[in-house]
Amino acid sequence: ILWPKPPDGKIAFVKSTDPAHSDFVIVKPSGFFRVGDELE
């Protein structure tokens, strides 16, 4: 259950994670996939 800690003990709110600014991308979105393959 060990969880990674920030490098600094106290982080200001504006420097905390904002889901609105964050994003994700599919690696190889136009790749050829079949059932059983792994998607990253």
PDB file of all heavy atoms in Angstrom:
ATOM      1  N   ILE A   1       0.820  -1.216   0.000  1.00  0.00           N
ATOM      2  CA  ILE A   1       0.000   0.000   0.000  1.00  0.00           C
ATOM      3  C   ILE A   1       0.854   1.265   0.000  1.00  0.00           C
ATOM      4  O   ILE A   1       0.320   2.372   0.138  1.00  0.00           O
ATOM      5  CB  ILE A   1      -0.952   0.024   1.211  1.00  0.00           C
ATOM      6  CG1 ILE A   1      -0.159   0.083   2.532  1.00  0.00           C
ATOM      7  CG2 ILE A   1      -1.883  -1.172   1.196  1.00  0.00           C
ATOM      8  CD1 ILE A   1      -1.050   0.254   3.758  1.00  0.00           C
ATOM      9  N   LEU A   2       2.162   1.121  -0.151  1.00  0.00           N
ATOM     10  CA  LEU A   2       3.056   2.277  -0.174  1.00  0.00           C
ATOM     11  C   LEU A   2       2.718   3.160  -1.369  1.00  0.00           C
ATOM     12  O   LEU A   2       2.579   2.679  -2.487  1.00  0.00           O
ATOM     13  CB  LEU A   2       4.511   1.816  -0.252  1.00  0.00           C
ATOM     14  CG  LEU A   2       5.574   2.918  -0.142  1.00  0.00           C
ATOM     15  CD1 LEU A   2       5.511   3.593   1.228  1.00  0.00           C
ATOM     16  CD2 LEU A   2       6.957   2.342  -0.378  1.00  0.00           C
ATOM     17  N   TRP A   3       2.572   4.458  -1.126  1.00  0.00           N
ATOM     18  CA  TRP A   3       2.167   5.381  -2.176  1.00  0.00           C
ATOM     19  C   TRP A   3       3.274   6.414  -2.372  1.00  0.00           C
ATOM     20  O   TRP A   3       3.821   6.939  -1.406  1.00  0.00           O
ATOM     21  CB  TRP A   3       0.864   6.075  -1.793  1.00  0.00           C
ATOM     22  CG  TRP A   3       0.096   6.593  -2.966  1.00  0.00           C
ATOM     23  CD1 TRP A   3       0.175   7.839  -3.502  1.00  0.00           C
ATOM     24  CD2 TRP A   3      -0.859   5.891  -3.755  1.00  0.00           C
ATOM     25  NE1 TRP A   3      -0.674   7.963  -4.583  1.00  0.00           N
ATOM     26  CE2 TRP A   3      -1.321   6.772  -4.764  1.00  0.00           C
ATOM     27  CE3 TRP A   3      -1.365   4.597  -3.721  1.00  0.00           C
ATOM     28  CZ2 TRP A   3      -2.265   6.404  -5.716  1.00  0.00           C
ATOM     29  CZ3 TRP A   3      -2.314   4.232  -4.668  1.00  0.00           C
ATOM     30  CH2 TRP A   3      -2.756   5.130  -5.648  1.00  0.00           C
ATOM     31  N   PRO A   4       3.628   6.727  -3.610  1.00  0.00           N
ATOM     32  CA  PRO A   4       4.698   7.711  -3.843  1.00  0.00           C
ATOM     33  C   PRO A   4       4.331   9.094  -3.308  1.00  0.00           C
ATOM     34  O   PRO A   4       3.179   9.521  -3.403  1.00  0.00           O
ATOM     35  CB  PRO A   4       4.844   7.721  -5.369  1.00  0.00           C
ATOM     36  CG  PRO A   4       3.550   7.176  -5.888  1.00  0.00           C
ATOM     37  CD  PRO A   4       3.080   6.193  -4.865  1.00  0.00           C
ATOM     38  N   LYS A   5       5.328   9.777  -2.761  1.00  0.00           N
ATOM     39  CA  LYS A   5       5.116  11.093  -2.175  1.00  0.00           C
ATOM     40  C   LYS A   5       5.689  12.186  -3.069  1.00  0.00           C
ATOM     41  O   LYS A   5       6.644  11.951  -3.810  1.00  0.00           O
ATOM     42  CB  LYS A   5       5.774  11.168  -0.796  1.00  0.00           C
ATOM     43  CG  LYS A   5       5.167  10.240   0.231  1.00  0.00           C
ATOM     44  CD  LYS A   5       5.843  10.427   1.583  1.00  0.00           C
ATOM     45  CE  LYS A   5       5.206   9.527   2.634  1.00  0.00           C
ATOM     46  NZ  LYS A   5       5.833   9.709   3.971  1.00  0.00           N
ATOM     47  N   PRO A   6       5.115  13.400  -2.994  1.00  0.00           N
ATOM     48  CA  PRO A   6       5.698  14.523  -3.740  1.00  0.00           C
ATOM     49  C   PRO A   6       7.094  14.837  -3.215  1.00  0.00           C
ATOM     50  O   PRO A   6       7.423  14.514  -2.068  1.00  0.00           O
ATOM     51  CB  PRO A   6       4.719  15.675  -3.444  1.00  0.00           C
ATOM     52  CG  PRO A   6       3.462  15.016  -2.979  1.00  0.00           C
ATOM     53  CD  PRO A   6       3.889  13.761  -2.297  1.00  0.00           C
ATOM     54  N   PRO A   7       7.936  15.472  -4.051  1.00  0.00           N
ATOM     55  CA  PRO A   7       9.285  15.804  -3.587  1.00  0.00           C
ATOM     56  C   PRO A   7       9.295  16.804  -2.446  1.00  0.00           C
ATOM     57  O   PRO A   7      10.209  16.806  -1.620  1.00  0.00           O
ATOM     58  CB  PRO A   7       9.949  16.388  -4.854  1.00  0.00           C
ATOM     59  CG  PRO A   7       8.809  16.841  -5.710  1.00  0.00           C
ATOM     60  CD  PRO A   7       7.699  15.882  -5.435  1.00  0.00           C
ATOM     61  N   ASP A   8       8.299  17.674  -2.399  1.00  0.00           N
ATOM     62  CA  ASP A   8       8.192  18.659  -1.330  1.00  0.00           C
ATOM     63  C   ASP A   8       7.071  18.262  -0.388  1.00  0.00           C
ATOM     64  O   ASP A   8       6.062  17.683  -0.794  1.00  0.00           O
ATOM     65  CB  ASP A   8       7.926  20.056  -1.899  1.00  0.00           C
ATOM     66  CG  ASP A   8       9.042  20.510  -2.835  1.00  0.00           C
ATOM     67  OD1 ASP A   8      10.209  20.212  -2.524  1.00  0.00           O
ATOM     68  OD2 ASP A   8       8.734  21.145  -3.856  1.00  0.00           O
ATOM     69  N   GLY A   9       7.254  18.610   0.871  1.00  0.00           N
ATOM     70  CA  GLY A   9       6.256  18.229   1.860  1.00  0.00           C
ATOM     71  C   GLY A   9       4.918  18.909   1.669  1.00  0.00           C
ATOM     72  O   GLY A   9       3.869  18.320   1.866  1.00  0.00           O
ATOM     73  N   LYS A  10       4.922  20.176   1.279  1.00  0.00           N
ATOM     74  CA  LYS A  10       3.676  20.932   1.141  1.00  0.00           C
ATOM     75  C   LYS A  10       3.614  21.543  -0.250  1.00  0.00           C
ATOM     76  O   LYS A  10       4.511  22.285  -0.664  1.00  0.00           O
ATOM     77  CB  LYS A  10       3.603  22.029   2.209  1.00  0.00           C
ATOM     78  CG  LYS A  10       2.256  22.713   2.284  1.00  0.00           C
ATOM     79  CD  LYS A  10       2.212  23.689   3.456  1.00  0.00           C
ATOM     80  CE  LYS A  10       0.833  24.341   3.567  1.00  0.00           C
ATOM     81  NZ  LYS A  10       0.777  25.300   4.704  1.00  0.00           N
ATOM     82  N   ILE A  11       2.559  21.235  -0.987  1.00  0.00           N
ATOM     83  CA  ILE A  11       2.377  21.705  -2.360  1.00  0.00           C
ATOM     84  C   ILE A  11       1.226  22.694  -2.411  1.00  0.00           C
ATOM     85  O   ILE A  11       0.147  22.433  -1.860  1.00  0.00           O
ATOM     86  CB  ILE A  11       2.110  20.530  -3.318  1.00  0.00           C
ATOM     87  CG1 ILE A  11       3.221  19.490  -3.227  1.00  0.00           C
ATOM     88  CG2 ILE A  11       1.958  21.031  -4.749  1.00  0.00           C
ATOM     89  CD1 ILE A  11       4.567  19.961  -3.665  1.00  0.00           C
ATOM     90  N   ALA A  12       1.430  23.828  -3.056  1.00  0.00           N
ATOM     91  CA  ALA A  12       0.357  24.802  -3.229  1.00  0.00           C
ATOM     92  C   ALA A  12      -0.717  24.244  -4.147  1.00  0.00           C
ATOM     93  O   ALA A  12      -0.437  23.429  -5.035  1.00  0.00           O
ATOM     94  CB  ALA A  12       0.922  26.107  -3.790  1.00  0.00           C
ATOM     95  N   PHE A  13      -1.947  24.702  -3.972  1.00  0.00           N
ATOM     96  CA  PHE A  13      -3.063  24.172  -4.743  1.00  0.00           C
ATOM     97  C   PHE A  13      -2.856  24.365  -6.245  1.00  0.00           C
ATOM     98  O   PHE A  13      -3.148  23.469  -7.042  1.00  0.00           O
ATOM     99  CB  PHE A  13      -4.368  24.839  -4.306  1.00  0.00           C
ATOM    100  CG  PHE A  13      -5.538  24.505  -5.183  1.00  0.00           C
ATOM    101  CD1 PHE A  13      -6.091  23.233  -5.173  1.00  0.00           C
ATOM    102  CD2 PHE A  13      -6.072  25.454  -6.047  1.00  0.00           C
ATOM    103  CE1 PHE A  13      -7.164  22.912  -5.999  1.00  0.00           C
ATOM    104  CE2 PHE A  13      -7.138  25.139  -6.866  1.00  0.00           C
ATOM    105  CZ  PHE A  13      -7.687  23.871  -6.843  1.00  0.00           C
ATOM    106  N   VAL A  14      -2.326  25.529  -6.664  1.00  0.00           N
ATOM    107  CA  VAL A  14      -2.174  25.803  -8.100  1.00  0.00           C
ATOM    108  C   VAL A  14      -1.166  24.862  -8.745  1.00  0.00           C
ATOM    109  O   VAL A  14      -1.156  24.708  -9.976  1.00  0.00           O
ATOM    110  CB  VAL A  14      -1.757  27.271  -8.336  1.00  0.00           C
ATOM    111  CG1 VAL A  14      -2.873  28.218  -7.916  1.00  0.00           C
ATOM    112  CG2 VAL A  14      -0.458  27.589  -7.611  1.00  0.00           C
ATOM    113  N   LYS A  15      -0.322  24.222  -7.929  1.00  0.00           N
ATOM    114  CA  LYS A  15       0.653  23.279  -8.460  1.00  0.00           C
ATOM    115  C   LYS A  15       0.196  21.829  -8.337  1.00  0.00           C
ATOM    116  O   LYS A  15       0.949  20.908  -8.653  1.00  0.00           O
ATOM    117  CB  LYS A  15       1.994  23.463  -7.750  1.00  0.00           C
ATOM    118  CG  LYS A  15       2.653  24.801  -8.034  1.00  0.00           C
ATOM    119  CD  LYS A  15       4.033  24.888  -7.394  1.00  0.00           C
ATOM    120  CE  LYS A  15       4.706  26.218  -7.730  1.00  0.00           C
ATOM    121  NZ  LYS A  15       6.063  26.310  -7.127  1.00  0.00           N
ATOM    122  N   SER A  16      -1.030  21.647  -7.904  1.00  0.00           N
ATOM    123  CA  SER A  16      -1.584  20.298  -7.787  1.00  0.00           C
ATOM    124  C   SER A  16      -2.195  19.867  -9.111  1.00  0.00           C
ATOM    125  O   SER A  16      -2.345  20.654 -10.046  1.00  0.00           O
ATOM    126  CB  SER A  16      -2.640  20.248  -6.678  1.00  0.00           C
ATOM    127  OG  SER A  16      -3.763  21.050  -7.010  1.00  0.00           O
ATOM    128  N   THR A  17      -2.591  18.616  -9.198  1.00  0.00           N
ATOM    129  CA  THR A  17      -3.089  18.040 -10.447  1.00  0.00           C
ATOM    130  C   THR A  17      -4.425  18.652 -10.857  1.00  0.00           C
ATOM    131  O   THR A  17      -5.365  18.709 -10.061  1.00  0.00           O
ATOM    132  CB  THR A  17      -3.245  16.524 -10.299  1.00  0.00           C
ATOM    133  OG1 THR A  17      -1.992  15.964  -9.917  1.00  0.00           O
ATOM    134  CG2 THR A  17      -3.704  15.903 -11.608  1.00  0.00           C
ATOM    135  N   ASP A  18      -4.488  19.087 -12.104  1.00  0.00           N
ATOM    136  CA  ASP A  18      -5.713  19.640 -12.680  1.00  0.00           C
ATOM    137  C   ASP A  18      -6.165  18.729 -13.817  1.00  0.00           C
ATOM    138  O   ASP A  18      -5.503  18.655 -14.866  1.00  0.00           O
ATOM    139  CB  ASP A  18      -5.459  21.053 -13.204  1.00  0.00           C
ATOM    140  CG  ASP A  18      -6.711  21.657 -13.835  1.00  0.00           C
ATOM    141  OD1 ASP A  18      -7.816  21.112 -13.615  1.00  0.00           O
ATOM    142  OD2 ASP A  18      -6.580  22.670 -14.553  1.00  0.00           O
ATOM    143  N   PRO A  19      -7.263  18.029 -13.661  1.00  0.00           N
ATOM    144  CA  PRO A  19      -7.718  17.124 -14.736  1.00  0.00           C
ATOM    145  C   PRO A  19      -8.092  17.860 -16.015  1.00  0.00           C
ATOM    146  O   PRO A  19      -8.020  17.288 -17.106  1.00  0.00           O
ATOM    147  CB  PRO A  19      -8.926  16.423 -14.111  1.00  0.00           C
ATOM    148  CG  PRO A  19      -9.387  17.340 -13.021  1.00  0.00           C
ATOM    149  CD  PRO A  19      -8.159  18.003 -12.497  1.00  0.00           C
ATOM    150  N   ALA A  20      -8.486  19.143 -15.898  1.00  0.00           N
ATOM    151  CA  ALA A  20      -8.876  19.892 -17.095  1.00  0.00           C
ATOM    152  C   ALA A  20      -7.676  20.194 -17.988  1.00  0.00           C
ATOM    153  O   ALA A  20      -7.807  20.265 -19.216  1.00  0.00           O
ATOM    154  CB  ALA A  20      -9.567  21.193 -16.686  1.00  0.00           C
ATOM    155  N   HIS A  21      -6.503  20.422 -17.411  1.00  0.00           N
ATOM    156  CA  HIS A  21      -5.298  20.660 -18.192  1.00  0.00           C
ATOM    157  C   HIS A  21      -4.615  19.359 -18.620  1.00  0.00           C
ATOM    158  O   HIS A  21      -3.820  19.358 -19.564  1.00  0.00           O
ATOM    159  CB  HIS A  21      -4.296  21.511 -17.394  1.00  0.00           C
ATOM    160  CG  HIS A  21      -4.582  22.979 -17.429  1.00  0.00           C
ATOM    161  ND1 HIS A  21      -5.260  23.631 -16.412  1.00  0.00           N
ATOM    162  CD2 HIS A  21      -4.306  23.916 -18.365  1.00  0.00           C
ATOM    163  CE1 HIS A  21      -5.373  24.912 -16.715  1.00  0.00           C
ATOM    164  NE2 HIS A  21      -4.803  25.118 -17.887  1.00  0.00           N
ATOM    165  N   SER A  22      -4.886  18.275 -17.927  1.00  0.00           N
ATOM    166  CA  SER A  22      -4.256  16.990 -18.240  1.00  0.00           C
ATOM    167  C   SER A  22      -4.932  16.353 -19.449  1.00  0.00           C
ATOM    168  O   SER A  22      -6.052  16.728 -19.826  1.00  0.00           O
ATOM    169  CB  SER A  22      -4.348  16.060 -17.025  1.00  0.00           C
ATOM    170  OG  SER A  22      -3.779  16.673 -15.879  1.00  0.00           O
ATOM    171  N   ASP A  23      -4.262  15.387 -20.058  1.00  0.00           N
ATOM    172  CA  ASP A  23      -4.847  14.704 -21.206  1.00  0.00           C
ATOM    173  C   ASP A  23      -4.262  13.306 -21.331  1.00  0.00           C
ATOM    174  O   ASP A  23      -3.346  12.930 -20.592  1.00  0.00           O
ATOM    175  CB  ASP A  23      -4.631  15.498 -22.500  1.00  0.00           C
ATOM    176  CG  ASP A  23      -3.158  15.601 -22.873  1.00  0.00           C
ATOM    177  OD1 ASP A  23      -2.302  15.145 -22.077  1.00  0.00           O
ATOM    178  OD2 ASP A  23      -2.842  16.122 -23.953  1.00  0.00           O
ATOM    179  N   PHE A  24      -4.805  12.534 -22.275  1.00  0.00           N
ATOM    180  CA  PHE A  24      -4.243  11.225 -22.578  1.00  0.00           C
ATOM    181  C   PHE A  24      -4.251  11.001 -24.085  1.00  0.00           C
ATOM    182  O   PHE A  24      -5.026  11.632 -24.823  1.00  0.00           O
ATOM    183  CB  PHE A  24      -4.996  10.098 -21.856  1.00  0.00           C
ATOM    184  CG  PHE A  24      -6.354   9.768 -22.426  1.00  0.00           C
ATOM    185  CD1 PHE A  24      -6.490   8.868 -23.487  1.00  0.00           C
ATOM    186  CD2 PHE A  24      -7.507  10.339 -21.897  1.00  0.00           C
ATOM    187  CE1 PHE A  24      -7.734   8.559 -24.011  1.00  0.00           C
ATOM    188  CE2 PHE A  24      -8.755  10.033 -22.415  1.00  0.00           C
ATOM    189  CZ  PHE A  24      -8.879   9.142 -23.481  1.00  0.00           C
ATOM    190  N   VAL A  25      -3.363  10.131 -24.538  1.00  0.00           N
ATOM    191  CA  VAL A  25      -3.282   9.778 -25.957  1.00  0.00           C
ATOM    192  C   VAL A  25      -3.186   8.266 -26.074  1.00  0.00           C
ATOM    193  O   VAL A  25      -2.599   7.597 -25.216  1.00  0.00           O
ATOM    194  CB  VAL A  25      -2.064  10.434 -26.651  1.00  0.00           C
ATOM    195  CG1 VAL A  25      -2.237  11.934 -26.731  1.00  0.00           C
ATOM    196  CG2 VAL A  25      -0.775  10.061 -25.934  1.00  0.00           C
ATOM    197  N   ILE A  26      -3.794   7.733 -27.118  1.00  0.00           N
ATOM    198  CA  ILE A  26      -3.683   6.309 -27.417  1.00  0.00           C
ATOM    199  C   ILE A  26      -2.416   6.087 -28.233  1.00  0.00           C
ATOM    200  O   ILE A  26      -2.201   6.748 -29.257  1.00  0.00           O
ATOM    201  CB  ILE A  26      -4.908   5.805 -28.197  1.00  0.00           C
ATOM    202  CG1 ILE A  26      -6.173   5.958 -27.346  1.00  0.00           C
ATOM    203  CG2 ILE A  26      -4.723   4.350 -28.612  1.00  0.00           C
ATOM    204  CD1 ILE A  26      -7.453   5.561 -28.070  1.00  0.00           C
ATOM    205  N   VAL A  27      -1.553   5.221 -27.746  1.00  0.00           N
ATOM    206  CA  VAL A  27      -0.346   4.883 -28.487  1.00  0.00           C
ATOM    207  C   VAL A  27      -0.749   4.042 -29.705  1.00  0.00           C
ATOM    208  O   VAL A  27      -1.459   3.044 -29.579  1.00  0.00           O
ATOM    209  CB  VAL A  27       0.648   4.121 -27.590  1.00  0.00           C
ATOM    210  CG1 VAL A  27       1.902   3.742 -28.384  1.00  0.00           C
ATOM    211  CG2 VAL A  27       1.022   4.964 -26.381  1.00  0.00           C
ATOM    212  N   LYS A  28      -0.338   4.483 -30.880  1.00  0.00           N
ATOM    213  CA  LYS A  28      -0.686   3.828 -32.144  1.00  0.00           C
ATOM    214  C   LYS A  28      -2.210   3.729 -32.307  1.00  0.00           C
ATOM    215  O   LYS A  28      -2.782   2.636 -32.407  1.00  0.00           O
ATOM    216  CB  LYS A  28      -0.070   2.426 -32.223  1.00  0.00           C
ATOM    217  CG  LYS A  28       1.458   2.426 -32.167  1.00  0.00           C
ATOM    218  CD  LYS A  28       2.000   1.001 -32.235  1.00  0.00           C
ATOM    219  CE  LYS A  28       3.515   0.989 -32.158  1.00  0.00           C
ATOM    220  NZ  LYS A  28       4.068  -0.403 -32.194  1.00  0.00           N
ATOM    221  N   PRO A  29      -2.902   4.872 -32.336  1.00  0.00           N
ATOM    222  CA  PRO A  29      -4.376   4.844 -32.437  1.00  0.00           C
ATOM    223  C   PRO A  29      -4.886   4.254 -33.751  1.00  0.00           C
ATOM    224  O   PRO A  29      -6.012   3.762 -33.819  1.00  0.00           O
ATOM    225  CB  PRO A  29      -4.756   6.320 -32.312  1.00  0.00           C
ATOM    226  CG  PRO A  29      -3.537   7.058 -32.771  1.00  0.00           C
ATOM    227  CD  PRO A  29      -2.364   6.231 -32.330  1.00  0.00           C
ATOM    228  N   SER A  30      -4.067   4.338 -34.800  1.00  0.00           N
ATOM    229  CA  SER A  30      -4.497   3.801 -36.099  1.00  0.00           C
ATOM    230  C   SER A  30      -3.960   2.400 -36.353  1.00  0.00           C
ATOM    231  O   SER A  30      -4.003   1.902 -37.472  1.00  0.00           O
ATOM    232  CB  SER A  30      -4.020   4.730 -37.226  1.00  0.00           C
ATOM    233  OG  SER A  30      -2.599   4.874 -37.192  1.00  0.00           O
ATOM    234  N   GLY A  31      -3.466   1.768 -35.298  1.00  0.00           N
ATOM    235  CA  GLY A  31      -2.920   0.430 -35.449  1.00  0.00           C
ATOM    236  C   GLY A  31      -3.989  -0.616 -35.703  1.00  0.00           C
ATOM    237  O   GLY A  31      -5.189  -0.368 -35.557  1.00  0.00           O
ATOM    238  N   PHE A  32      -3.553  -1.791 -36.093  1.00  0.00           N
ATOM    239  CA  PHE A  32      -4.474  -2.906 -36.360  1.00  0.00           C
ATOM    240  C   PHE A  32      -4.570  -3.752 -35.094  1.00  0.00           C
ATOM    241  O   PHE A  32      -3.573  -4.307 -34.633  1.00  0.00           O
ATOM    242  CB  PHE A  32      -3.962  -3.738 -37.537  1.00  0.00           C
ATOM    243  CG  PHE A  32      -4.896  -4.845 -37.932  1.00  0.00           C
ATOM    244  CD1 PHE A  32      -6.008  -4.590 -38.709  1.00  0.00           C
ATOM    245  CD2 PHE A  32      -4.656  -6.150 -37.504  1.00  0.00           C
ATOM    246  CE1 PHE A  32      -6.872  -5.614 -39.075  1.00  0.00           C
ATOM    247  CE2 PHE A  32      -5.519  -7.171 -37.862  1.00  0.00           C
ATOM    248  CZ  PHE A  32      -6.631  -6.906 -38.652  1.00  0.00           C
ATOM    249  N   PHE A  33      -5.778  -3.838 -34.518  1.00  0.00           N
ATOM    250  CA  PHE A  33      -5.966  -4.547 -33.256  1.00  0.00           C
ATOM    251  C   PHE A  33      -6.939  -5.710 -33.439  1.00  0.00           C
ATOM    252  O   PHE A  33      -7.933  -5.614 -34.189  1.00  0.00           O
ATOM    253  CB  PHE A  33      -6.522  -3.603 -32.182  1.00  0.00           C
ATOM    254  CG  PHE A  33      -5.596  -2.477 -31.827  1.00  0.00           C
ATOM    255  CD1 PHE A  33      -5.781  -1.214 -32.367  1.00  0.00           C
ATOM    256  CD2 PHE A  33      -4.543  -2.675 -30.943  1.00  0.00           C
ATOM    257  CE1 PHE A  33      -4.936  -0.168 -32.045  1.00  0.00           C
ATOM    258  CE2 PHE A  33      -3.681  -1.629 -30.615  1.00  0.00           C
ATOM    259  CZ  PHE A  33      -3.880  -0.376 -31.171  1.00  0.00           C
ATOM    260  N   ARG A  34      -6.639  -6.797 -32.768  1.00  0.00           N
ATOM    261  CA  ARG A  34      -7.542  -7.937 -32.700  1.00  0.00           C
ATOM    262  C   ARG A  34      -7.857  -8.250 -31.239  1.00  0.00           C
ATOM    263  O   ARG A  34      -7.149  -7.805 -30.330  1.00  0.00           O
ATOM    264  CB  ARG A  34      -6.917  -9.162 -33.370  1.00  0.00           C
ATOM    265  CG  ARG A  34      -6.863  -9.085 -34.890  1.00  0.00           C
ATOM    266  CD  ARG A  34      -6.496 -10.422 -35.485  1.00  0.00           C
ATOM    267  NE  ARG A  34      -6.432 -10.382 -36.941  1.00  0.00           N
ATOM    268  CZ  ARG A  34      -7.484 -10.534 -37.736  1.00  0.00           C
ATOM    269  NH1 ARG A  34      -8.694 -10.734 -37.206  1.00  0.00           N
ATOM    270  NH2 ARG A  34      -7.336 -10.499 -39.044  1.00  0.00           N
ATOM    271  N   VAL A  35      -8.926  -8.998 -31.034  1.00  0.00           N
ATOM    272  CA  VAL A  35      -9.292  -9.423 -29.690  1.00  0.00           C
ATOM    273  C   VAL A  35      -8.127 -10.192 -29.068  1.00  0.00           C
ATOM    274  O   VAL A  35      -7.556 -11.084 -29.703  1.00  0.00           O
ATOM    275  CB  VAL A  35     -10.562 -10.306 -29.714  1.00  0.00           C
ATOM    276  CG1 VAL A  35     -10.829 -10.886 -28.332  1.00  0.00           C
ATOM    277  CG2 VAL A  35     -11.758  -9.496 -30.201  1.00  0.00           C
ATOM    278  N   GLY A  36      -7.773  -9.806 -27.866  1.00  0.00           N
ATOM    279  CA  GLY A  36      -6.648 -10.428 -27.170  1.00  0.00           C
ATOM    280  C   GLY A  36      -5.392  -9.586 -27.195  1.00  0.00           C
ATOM    281  O   GLY A  36      -4.453  -9.847 -26.429  1.00  0.00           O
ATOM    282  N   ASP A  37      -5.337  -8.573 -28.112  1.00  0.00           N
ATOM    283  CA  ASP A  37      -4.175  -7.690 -28.163  1.00  0.00           C
ATOM    284  C   ASP A  37      -4.164  -6.733 -26.971  1.00  0.00           C
ATOM    285  O   ASP A  37      -5.170  -6.559 -26.276  1.00  0.00           O
ATOM    286  CB  ASP A  37      -4.163  -6.882 -29.468  1.00  0.00           C
ATOM    287  CG  ASP A  37      -3.869  -7.750 -30.678  1.00  0.00           C
ATOM    288  OD1 ASP A  37      -3.403  -8.895 -30.479  1.00  0.00           O
ATOM    289  OD2 ASP A  37      -4.116  -7.289 -31.812  1.00  0.00           O
ATOM    290  N   GLU A  38      -3.022  -6.074 -26.781  1.00  0.00           N
ATOM    291  CA  GLU A  38      -2.881  -5.100 -25.707  1.00  0.00           C
ATOM    292  C   GLU A  38      -2.891  -3.688 -26.284  1.00  0.00           C
ATOM    293  O   GLU A  38      -2.204  -3.407 -27.262  1.00  0.00           O
ATOM    294  CB  GLU A  38      -1.594  -5.346 -24.917  1.00  0.00           C
ATOM    295  CG  GLU A  38      -1.438  -4.468 -23.689  1.00  0.00           C
ATOM    296  CD  GLU A  38      -0.201  -4.821 -22.877  1.00  0.00           C
ATOM    297  OE1 GLU A  38       0.906  -4.565 -23.388  1.00  0.00           O
ATOM    298  OE2 GLU A  38      -0.337  -5.354 -21.771  1.00  0.00           O
ATOM    299  N   LEU A  39      -3.662  -2.829 -25.645  1.00  0.00           N
ATOM    300  CA  LEU A  39      -3.746  -1.426 -26.051  1.00  0.00           C
ATOM    301  C   LEU A  39      -3.038  -0.581 -24.993  1.00  0.00           C
ATOM    302  O   LEU A  39      -3.289  -0.737 -23.795  1.00  0.00           O
ATOM    303  CB  LEU A  39      -5.211  -0.988 -26.178  1.00  0.00           C
ATOM    304  CG  LEU A  39      -5.448   0.486 -26.520  1.00  0.00           C
ATOM    305  CD1 LEU A  39      -4.967   0.786 -27.938  1.00  0.00           C
ATOM    306  CD2 LEU A  39      -6.928   0.843 -26.365  1.00  0.00           C
ATOM    307  N   GLU A  40      -2.160   0.319 -25.448  1.00  0.00           N
ATOM    308  CA  GLU A  40      -1.412   1.173 -24.523  1.00  0.00           C
ATOM    309  C   GLU A  40      -1.892   2.623 -24.641  1.00  0.00           C
ATOM    310  O   GLU A  40      -2.095   3.144 -25.738  1.00  0.00           O
ATOM    311  CB  GLU A  40       0.085   1.099 -24.807  1.00  0.00           C
ATOM    312  CG  GLU A  40       0.921   1.948 -23.849  1.00  0.00           C
ATOM    313  CD  GLU A  40       2.416   1.868 -24.135  1.00  0.00           C
ATOM    314  OE1 GLU A  40       2.814   0.990 -24.940  1.00  0.00           O
ATOM    315  OE2 GLU A  40       3.170   2.679 -23.572  1.00  0.00           O
TER     316      GLU A  40
END
